[in-house]
Amino acid sequence: MNQRPEGIDLAARSRARRRALQALYAWQMSGSPMHAVIDQFRHEQDMEVADLDYFEDLLRGVANHVEVIDEALKPHIDREVAQIDPIERAALRLAVYELKFRPDVPYRVIINEAIEVTKRFGADHGHSYVNGVLDKLAAQVRVAEKRG
C-alpha cells in the first residue's frame, strides 16, 4: 500500500484531490452551498477509496478561505481569477489552500498533484499555466521548504 510512515494513504489522498477538484468545479459553476456539494459527492461510489476527511477538509478550506486564496493568486496570474478556466481555477484554489493552510503536505506533492489533475481534467496546456503560477507562489509561501 502507498503509505507514509504517519499512516497516510497517499493514493487515497490523490483520489480525494481528484474528487475535490470535480466538486470544487461543480461548486464554482452551480453556486450551490459547499455543504450540499460535499453531500452530493460523499454518496458516490468511488468516494469509498478516497480519503473522505481530506476531501472535506480541502473543500471546506477553499470555501472558507476563498478570498485569501484568490488574493494570494493575484500577483502570479495574468488575468482576473474569475477569467481563469474553471478547471484550472479549481486546481489553483485547491493547491493554494494546501500551500497556505496544510504545511504538513510538502509543496512538491501539492504542485505535482495540481499538475496531474489539470492534465486529466483541464485544457491541453492548462497544466503548464498551473505549474508556473504555483511554482512562483510556493517560492513565497514555502520559503524555508523551497530553500531546503
N, C-alpha and C. Protein backbone atom coordinates (compact mmCIF):
# COMPACT_ATOMS: atom_id res chain seq x y z
N MET A 1 0.85 -1.18 0.00
CA MET A 1 0.00 0.00 0.00
C MET A 1 0.89 1.25 0.00
N ASN A 2 0.45 2.28 -0.63
CA ASN A 2 1.21 3.51 -0.78
C ASN A 2 0.98 4.42 0.43
N GLN A 3 1.79 4.22 1.50
CA GLN A 3 1.58 4.99 2.73
C GLN A 3 2.87 5.64 3.19
N ARG A 4 2.70 6.77 3.85
CA ARG A 4 3.82 7.43 4.51
C ARG A 4 3.92 6.83 5.91
N PRO A 5 5.05 7.03 6.58
CA PRO A 5 5.21 6.47 7.93
C PRO A 5 4.10 6.88 8.90
N GLU A 6 3.51 8.05 8.72
CA GLU A 6 2.45 8.50 9.63
C GLU A 6 1.14 7.77 9.39
N GLY A 7 1.12 6.83 8.44
CA GLY A 7 -0.09 6.07 8.17
C GLY A 7 -1.02 6.73 7.18
N ILE A 8 -0.55 7.73 6.45
CA ILE A 8 -1.39 8.40 5.46
C ILE A 8 -1.32 7.63 4.15
N ASP A 9 -2.47 7.27 3.64
CA ASP A 9 -2.56 6.55 2.37
C ASP A 9 -2.49 7.59 1.24
N LEU A 10 -1.35 7.65 0.57
CA LEU A 10 -1.12 8.67 -0.45
C LEU A 10 -2.04 8.49 -1.66
N ALA A 11 -2.35 7.25 -2.03
CA ALA A 11 -3.25 7.01 -3.15
C ALA A 11 -4.66 7.51 -2.82
N ALA A 12 -5.11 7.30 -1.59
CA ALA A 12 -6.43 7.78 -1.17
C ALA A 12 -6.46 9.30 -1.15
N ARG A 13 -5.33 9.91 -0.78
CA ARG A 13 -5.25 11.38 -0.81
C ARG A 13 -5.31 11.89 -2.24
N SER A 14 -4.65 11.20 -3.15
CA SER A 14 -4.69 11.59 -4.56
C SER A 14 -6.12 11.52 -5.09
N ARG A 15 -6.80 10.45 -4.76
CA ARG A 15 -8.19 10.31 -5.19
C ARG A 15 -9.05 11.41 -4.56
N ALA A 16 -8.78 11.75 -3.31
CA ALA A 16 -9.52 12.82 -2.64
C ALA A 16 -9.30 14.15 -3.38
N ARG A 17 -8.08 14.41 -3.82
CA ARG A 17 -7.81 15.65 -4.56
C ARG A 17 -8.54 15.66 -5.90
N ARG A 18 -8.54 14.53 -6.60
CA ARG A 18 -9.25 14.45 -7.89
C ARG A 18 -10.74 14.73 -7.71
N ARG A 19 -11.32 14.08 -6.71
CA ARG A 19 -12.75 14.29 -6.45
C ARG A 19 -13.00 15.70 -5.95
N ALA A 20 -12.09 16.24 -5.16
CA ALA A 20 -12.24 17.62 -4.67
C ALA A 20 -12.20 18.60 -5.83
N LEU A 21 -11.34 18.35 -6.81
CA LEU A 21 -11.29 19.22 -7.99
C LEU A 21 -12.66 19.20 -8.68
N GLN A 22 -13.23 18.03 -8.86
CA GLN A 22 -14.53 17.92 -9.53
C GLN A 22 -15.62 18.60 -8.69
N ALA A 23 -15.57 18.42 -7.40
CA ALA A 23 -16.56 19.03 -6.52
C ALA A 23 -16.40 20.56 -6.51
N LEU A 24 -15.17 21.02 -6.48
CA LEU A 24 -14.93 22.47 -6.49
C LEU A 24 -15.39 23.08 -7.82
N TYR A 25 -15.15 22.37 -8.91
CA TYR A 25 -15.66 22.80 -10.21
C TYR A 25 -17.19 22.94 -10.15
N ALA A 26 -17.86 21.92 -9.62
CA ALA A 26 -19.32 21.96 -9.50
C ALA A 26 -19.77 23.13 -8.63
N TRP A 27 -19.06 23.38 -7.54
CA TRP A 27 -19.38 24.49 -6.64
C TRP A 27 -19.23 25.83 -7.36
N GLN A 28 -18.15 25.98 -8.09
CA GLN A 28 -17.90 27.22 -8.81
C GLN A 28 -18.97 27.46 -9.88
N MET A 29 -19.37 26.40 -10.57
CA MET A 29 -20.31 26.54 -11.68
C MET A 29 -21.76 26.67 -11.21
N SER A 30 -22.10 26.01 -10.11
CA SER A 30 -23.50 25.97 -9.68
C SER A 30 -23.86 27.06 -8.67
N GLY A 31 -22.87 27.48 -7.90
CA GLY A 31 -23.16 28.44 -6.83
C GLY A 31 -23.88 27.80 -5.66
N SER A 32 -23.97 26.47 -5.65
CA SER A 32 -24.60 25.76 -4.54
C SER A 32 -23.75 25.93 -3.28
N PRO A 33 -24.39 25.81 -2.11
CA PRO A 33 -23.60 25.85 -0.87
C PRO A 33 -22.62 24.67 -0.84
N MET A 34 -21.44 24.89 -0.28
CA MET A 34 -20.41 23.86 -0.26
C MET A 34 -20.90 22.60 0.45
N HIS A 35 -21.66 22.74 1.54
CA HIS A 35 -22.12 21.53 2.25
C HIS A 35 -22.99 20.66 1.34
N ALA A 36 -23.76 21.27 0.45
CA ALA A 36 -24.60 20.50 -0.47
C ALA A 36 -23.74 19.76 -1.50
N VAL A 37 -22.69 20.42 -1.97
CA VAL A 37 -21.77 19.79 -2.93
C VAL A 37 -21.06 18.62 -2.27
N ILE A 38 -20.59 18.83 -1.05
CA ILE A 38 -19.91 17.76 -0.31
C ILE A 38 -20.85 16.57 -0.13
N ASP A 39 -22.09 16.83 0.29
CA ASP A 39 -23.06 15.75 0.48
C ASP A 39 -23.29 14.98 -0.81
N GLN A 40 -23.42 15.70 -1.92
CA GLN A 40 -23.64 15.06 -3.21
C GLN A 40 -22.48 14.13 -3.56
N PHE A 41 -21.25 14.61 -3.40
CA PHE A 41 -20.07 13.81 -3.76
C PHE A 41 -19.81 12.70 -2.75
N ARG A 42 -20.12 12.92 -1.50
CA ARG A 42 -19.86 11.93 -0.45
C ARG A 42 -20.57 10.61 -0.72
N HIS A 43 -21.70 10.68 -1.39
CA HIS A 43 -22.52 9.48 -1.61
C HIS A 43 -22.18 8.74 -2.90
N GLU A 44 -21.17 9.18 -3.61
CA GLU A 44 -20.79 8.49 -4.84
C GLU A 44 -19.90 7.30 -4.51
N GLN A 45 -19.98 6.26 -5.33
CA GLN A 45 -19.29 5.01 -5.06
C GLN A 45 -17.78 5.15 -4.92
N ASP A 46 -17.13 5.85 -5.83
CA ASP A 46 -15.67 5.87 -5.79
C ASP A 46 -15.12 6.71 -4.64
N MET A 47 -15.99 7.36 -3.89
CA MET A 47 -15.52 8.08 -2.71
C MET A 47 -15.06 7.10 -1.62
N GLU A 48 -15.50 5.85 -1.73
CA GLU A 48 -15.11 4.85 -0.73
C GLU A 48 -13.61 4.62 -0.71
N VAL A 49 -12.94 4.85 -1.83
CA VAL A 49 -11.50 4.61 -1.89
C VAL A 49 -10.70 5.90 -1.75
N ALA A 50 -11.39 7.01 -1.51
CA ALA A 50 -10.72 8.29 -1.31
C ALA A 50 -10.63 8.59 0.18
N ASP A 51 -9.73 9.47 0.55
CA ASP A 51 -9.61 9.94 1.93
C ASP A 51 -10.71 10.98 2.14
N LEU A 52 -11.83 10.53 2.68
CA LEU A 52 -13.01 11.40 2.82
C LEU A 52 -12.75 12.60 3.71
N ASP A 53 -12.01 12.40 4.79
CA ASP A 53 -11.71 13.52 5.69
C ASP A 53 -10.89 14.58 4.96
N TYR A 54 -9.93 14.13 4.16
CA TYR A 54 -9.09 15.08 3.42
C TYR A 54 -9.91 15.79 2.35
N PHE A 55 -10.76 15.04 1.66
CA PHE A 55 -11.66 15.60 0.66
C PHE A 55 -12.47 16.74 1.26
N GLU A 56 -13.08 16.49 2.41
CA GLU A 56 -13.91 17.51 3.05
C GLU A 56 -13.07 18.68 3.55
N ASP A 57 -11.88 18.40 4.08
CA ASP A 57 -11.00 19.47 4.54
C ASP A 57 -10.64 20.40 3.38
N LEU A 58 -10.30 19.82 2.23
CA LEU A 58 -9.95 20.63 1.07
C LEU A 58 -11.11 21.54 0.66
N LEU A 59 -12.28 20.98 0.55
CA LEU A 59 -13.43 21.76 0.08
C LEU A 59 -13.87 22.81 1.08
N ARG A 60 -13.95 22.43 2.34
CA ARG A 60 -14.33 23.41 3.36
C ARG A 60 -13.26 24.49 3.48
N GLY A 61 -12.00 24.09 3.37
CA GLY A 61 -10.90 25.05 3.45
C GLY A 61 -10.94 26.06 2.33
N VAL A 62 -11.17 25.59 1.10
CA VAL A 62 -11.26 26.52 -0.03
C VAL A 62 -12.46 27.44 0.16
N ALA A 63 -13.61 26.88 0.50
CA ALA A 63 -14.81 27.70 0.66
C ALA A 63 -14.63 28.75 1.76
N ASN A 64 -14.02 28.36 2.87
CA ASN A 64 -13.83 29.28 4.00
C ASN A 64 -12.75 30.33 3.76
N HIS A 65 -11.82 30.05 2.86
CA HIS A 65 -10.68 30.95 2.65
C HIS A 65 -10.57 31.43 1.21
N VAL A 66 -11.65 31.36 0.45
CA VAL A 66 -11.56 31.66 -0.98
C VAL A 66 -11.03 33.08 -1.25
N GLU A 67 -11.39 34.05 -0.42
CA GLU A 67 -10.89 35.42 -0.63
C GLU A 67 -9.38 35.49 -0.42
N VAL A 68 -8.90 34.85 0.63
CA VAL A 68 -7.46 34.83 0.92
C VAL A 68 -6.72 34.09 -0.20
N ILE A 69 -7.29 33.00 -0.66
CA ILE A 69 -6.69 32.20 -1.73
C ILE A 69 -6.60 33.01 -3.02
N ASP A 70 -7.71 33.63 -3.40
CA ASP A 70 -7.72 34.42 -4.63
C ASP A 70 -6.77 35.61 -4.54
N GLU A 71 -6.68 36.21 -3.38
CA GLU A 71 -5.75 37.33 -3.17
C GLU A 71 -4.30 36.86 -3.33
N ALA A 72 -4.00 35.67 -2.82
CA ALA A 72 -2.65 35.12 -2.96
C ALA A 72 -2.32 34.83 -4.42
N LEU A 73 -3.32 34.47 -5.21
CA LEU A 73 -3.10 34.17 -6.63
C LEU A 73 -2.83 35.42 -7.46
N LYS A 74 -3.47 36.53 -7.13
CA LYS A 74 -3.46 37.73 -7.98
C LYS A 74 -2.09 38.16 -8.49
N PRO A 75 -1.05 38.22 -7.65
CA PRO A 75 0.25 38.69 -8.17
C PRO A 75 0.88 37.72 -9.18
N HIS A 76 0.37 36.50 -9.27
CA HIS A 76 1.02 35.47 -10.08
C HIS A 76 0.22 35.08 -11.32
N ILE A 77 -0.91 35.72 -11.53
CA ILE A 77 -1.74 35.38 -12.69
C ILE A 77 -1.83 36.57 -13.64
N ASP A 78 -2.17 36.27 -14.88
CA ASP A 78 -2.18 37.28 -15.94
C ASP A 78 -3.59 37.77 -16.28
N ARG A 79 -4.56 37.44 -15.44
CA ARG A 79 -5.95 37.86 -15.65
C ARG A 79 -6.68 37.79 -14.32
N GLU A 80 -7.90 38.20 -14.31
CA GLU A 80 -8.71 38.10 -13.09
C GLU A 80 -8.94 36.62 -12.77
N VAL A 81 -9.06 36.31 -11.51
CA VAL A 81 -9.29 34.93 -11.09
C VAL A 81 -10.53 34.36 -11.78
N ALA A 82 -11.58 35.16 -11.87
CA ALA A 82 -12.84 34.69 -12.48
C ALA A 82 -12.67 34.36 -13.97
N GLN A 83 -11.63 34.88 -14.61
CA GLN A 83 -11.42 34.63 -16.04
C GLN A 83 -10.56 33.40 -16.32
N ILE A 84 -10.02 32.80 -15.28
CA ILE A 84 -9.24 31.58 -15.45
C ILE A 84 -10.19 30.43 -15.74
N ASP A 85 -9.79 29.54 -16.64
CA ASP A 85 -10.58 28.36 -16.95
C ASP A 85 -11.04 27.70 -15.64
N PRO A 86 -12.31 27.30 -15.54
CA PRO A 86 -12.83 26.78 -14.27
C PRO A 86 -12.06 25.58 -13.69
N ILE A 87 -11.56 24.69 -14.53
CA ILE A 87 -10.78 23.55 -14.03
C ILE A 87 -9.45 24.05 -13.47
N GLU A 88 -8.78 24.92 -14.21
CA GLU A 88 -7.51 25.47 -13.74
C GLU A 88 -7.71 26.28 -12.46
N ARG A 89 -8.81 27.04 -12.40
CA ARG A 89 -9.11 27.83 -11.20
C ARG A 89 -9.32 26.91 -10.01
N ALA A 90 -10.06 25.82 -10.22
CA ALA A 90 -10.29 24.87 -9.13
C ALA A 90 -8.97 24.24 -8.67
N ALA A 91 -8.13 23.84 -9.62
CA ALA A 91 -6.83 23.24 -9.26
C ALA A 91 -5.96 24.24 -8.52
N LEU A 92 -5.94 25.48 -8.98
CA LEU A 92 -5.15 26.51 -8.30
C LEU A 92 -5.66 26.77 -6.90
N ARG A 93 -6.97 26.89 -6.75
CA ARG A 93 -7.53 27.16 -5.42
C ARG A 93 -7.23 26.01 -4.46
N LEU A 94 -7.37 24.78 -4.91
CA LEU A 94 -7.05 23.64 -4.04
C LEU A 94 -5.59 23.67 -3.62
N ALA A 95 -4.72 23.90 -4.60
CA ALA A 95 -3.28 23.91 -4.30
C ALA A 95 -2.89 25.06 -3.40
N VAL A 96 -3.46 26.23 -3.62
CA VAL A 96 -3.13 27.38 -2.76
C VAL A 96 -3.61 27.12 -1.34
N TYR A 97 -4.79 26.52 -1.21
CA TYR A 97 -5.25 26.16 0.13
C TYR A 97 -4.23 25.25 0.81
N GLU A 98 -3.77 24.24 0.11
CA GLU A 98 -2.80 23.32 0.71
C GLU A 98 -1.48 24.03 1.01
N LEU A 99 -1.01 24.86 0.09
CA LEU A 99 0.26 25.57 0.31
C LEU A 99 0.19 26.46 1.55
N LYS A 100 -0.93 27.16 1.71
CA LYS A 100 -1.05 28.12 2.80
C LYS A 100 -1.50 27.51 4.13
N PHE A 101 -2.36 26.50 4.06
CA PHE A 101 -3.01 26.02 5.28
C PHE A 101 -2.69 24.57 5.65
N ARG A 102 -1.95 23.88 4.82
CA ARG A 102 -1.59 22.49 5.11
C ARG A 102 -0.07 22.32 5.03
N PRO A 103 0.66 22.88 5.98
CA PRO A 103 2.11 22.77 5.95
C PRO A 103 2.62 21.34 6.11
N ASP A 104 1.73 20.43 6.51
CA ASP A 104 2.10 19.02 6.65
C ASP A 104 2.27 18.34 5.29
N VAL A 105 1.81 18.98 4.22
CA VAL A 105 1.92 18.41 2.87
C VAL A 105 3.07 19.12 2.15
N PRO A 106 4.07 18.38 1.70
CA PRO A 106 5.20 19.01 1.00
C PRO A 106 4.75 19.76 -0.25
N TYR A 107 5.36 20.93 -0.49
CA TYR A 107 4.94 21.75 -1.62
C TYR A 107 5.10 21.03 -2.95
N ARG A 108 6.11 20.17 -3.07
CA ARG A 108 6.30 19.44 -4.33
C ARG A 108 5.14 18.49 -4.61
N VAL A 109 4.62 17.88 -3.57
CA VAL A 109 3.47 16.99 -3.71
C VAL A 109 2.26 17.81 -4.17
N ILE A 110 2.06 18.96 -3.55
CA ILE A 110 0.92 19.82 -3.89
C ILE A 110 0.98 20.24 -5.36
N ILE A 111 2.14 20.72 -5.79
CA ILE A 111 2.28 21.17 -7.18
C ILE A 111 2.11 20.01 -8.15
N ASN A 112 2.74 18.88 -7.86
CA ASN A 112 2.63 17.72 -8.74
C ASN A 112 1.18 17.25 -8.86
N GLU A 113 0.48 17.18 -7.75
CA GLU A 113 -0.92 16.74 -7.78
C GLU A 113 -1.78 17.72 -8.57
N ALA A 114 -1.53 19.03 -8.41
CA ALA A 114 -2.30 20.04 -9.16
C ALA A 114 -2.05 19.89 -10.65
N ILE A 115 -0.82 19.64 -11.03
CA ILE A 115 -0.48 19.45 -12.45
C ILE A 115 -1.19 18.20 -12.98
N GLU A 116 -1.15 17.12 -12.23
CA GLU A 116 -1.75 15.87 -12.68
C GLU A 116 -3.27 15.98 -12.84
N VAL A 117 -3.96 16.61 -11.89
CA VAL A 117 -5.42 16.73 -12.04
C VAL A 117 -5.77 17.68 -13.18
N THR A 118 -4.92 18.68 -13.41
CA THR A 118 -5.19 19.60 -14.53
C THR A 118 -4.94 18.90 -15.85
N LYS A 119 -3.91 18.06 -15.93
CA LYS A 119 -3.68 17.27 -17.15
C LYS A 119 -4.88 16.37 -17.43
N ARG A 120 -5.42 15.78 -16.38
CA ARG A 120 -6.52 14.82 -16.53
C ARG A 120 -7.84 15.49 -16.92
N PHE A 121 -8.13 16.64 -16.31
CA PHE A 121 -9.45 17.24 -16.48
C PHE A 121 -9.45 18.57 -17.24
N GLY A 122 -8.30 19.20 -17.37
CA GLY A 122 -8.26 20.54 -17.94
C GLY A 122 -7.94 20.60 -19.42
N ALA A 123 -7.72 21.81 -19.89
CA ALA A 123 -7.38 22.04 -21.29
C ALA A 123 -5.97 21.51 -21.58
N ASP A 124 -5.64 21.41 -22.87
CA ASP A 124 -4.37 20.81 -23.30
C ASP A 124 -3.13 21.34 -22.57
N HIS A 125 -3.00 22.64 -22.45
CA HIS A 125 -1.80 23.19 -21.84
C HIS A 125 -2.07 23.86 -20.49
N GLY A 126 -3.23 23.58 -19.93
CA GLY A 126 -3.60 24.17 -18.65
C GLY A 126 -2.63 23.82 -17.54
N HIS A 127 -2.08 22.61 -17.59
CA HIS A 127 -1.16 22.19 -16.53
C HIS A 127 0.11 23.05 -16.52
N SER A 128 0.53 23.55 -17.67
CA SER A 128 1.73 24.42 -17.72
C SER A 128 1.45 25.74 -17.01
N TYR A 129 0.26 26.29 -17.22
CA TYR A 129 -0.14 27.52 -16.55
C TYR A 129 -0.19 27.31 -15.03
N VAL A 130 -0.85 26.24 -14.61
CA VAL A 130 -0.96 25.91 -13.19
C VAL A 130 0.43 25.73 -12.57
N ASN A 131 1.31 25.02 -13.26
CA ASN A 131 2.66 24.81 -12.76
C ASN A 131 3.39 26.14 -12.56
N GLY A 132 3.33 27.02 -13.55
CA GLY A 132 4.02 28.30 -13.46
C GLY A 132 3.53 29.16 -12.31
N VAL A 133 2.21 29.22 -12.15
CA VAL A 133 1.62 30.03 -11.08
C VAL A 133 2.01 29.45 -9.72
N LEU A 134 1.86 28.15 -9.55
CA LEU A 134 2.13 27.53 -8.25
C LEU A 134 3.61 27.55 -7.89
N ASP A 135 4.47 27.42 -8.88
CA ASP A 135 5.90 27.47 -8.60
C ASP A 135 6.29 28.83 -8.02
N LYS A 136 5.76 29.91 -8.61
CA LYS A 136 6.05 31.26 -8.10
C LYS A 136 5.45 31.46 -6.71
N LEU A 137 4.23 30.99 -6.53
CA LEU A 137 3.56 31.15 -5.24
C LEU A 137 4.26 30.35 -4.14
N ALA A 138 4.65 29.13 -4.46
CA ALA A 138 5.34 28.28 -3.47
C ALA A 138 6.65 28.92 -3.02
N ALA A 139 7.32 29.62 -3.93
CA ALA A 139 8.58 30.30 -3.58
C ALA A 139 8.33 31.36 -2.51
N GLN A 140 7.14 31.93 -2.47
CA GLN A 140 6.81 32.91 -1.44
C GLN A 140 6.24 32.29 -0.18
N VAL A 141 5.33 31.35 -0.35
CA VAL A 141 4.60 30.79 0.78
C VAL A 141 5.44 29.76 1.55
N ARG A 142 6.24 29.00 0.84
CA ARG A 142 7.03 27.93 1.45
C ARG A 142 8.53 28.23 1.31
N VAL A 143 8.94 29.42 1.68
CA VAL A 143 10.31 29.87 1.50
C VAL A 143 11.32 28.89 2.11
N ALA A 144 11.15 28.56 3.37
CA ALA A 144 12.11 27.69 4.05
C ALA A 144 12.14 26.30 3.41
N GLU A 145 10.98 25.78 3.08
CA GLU A 145 10.90 24.46 2.48
C GLU A 145 11.56 24.44 1.09
N LYS A 146 11.34 25.49 0.32
CA LYS A 146 11.92 25.53 -1.03
C LYS A 146 13.44 25.67 -0.96
N ARG A 147 13.92 26.38 0.04
CA ARG A 147 15.37 26.56 0.20
C ARG A 147 16.05 25.24 0.55
N GLY A 148 15.37 24.46 1.41
CA GLY A 148 15.92 23.21 1.93
C GLY A 148 15.97 22.17 0.91
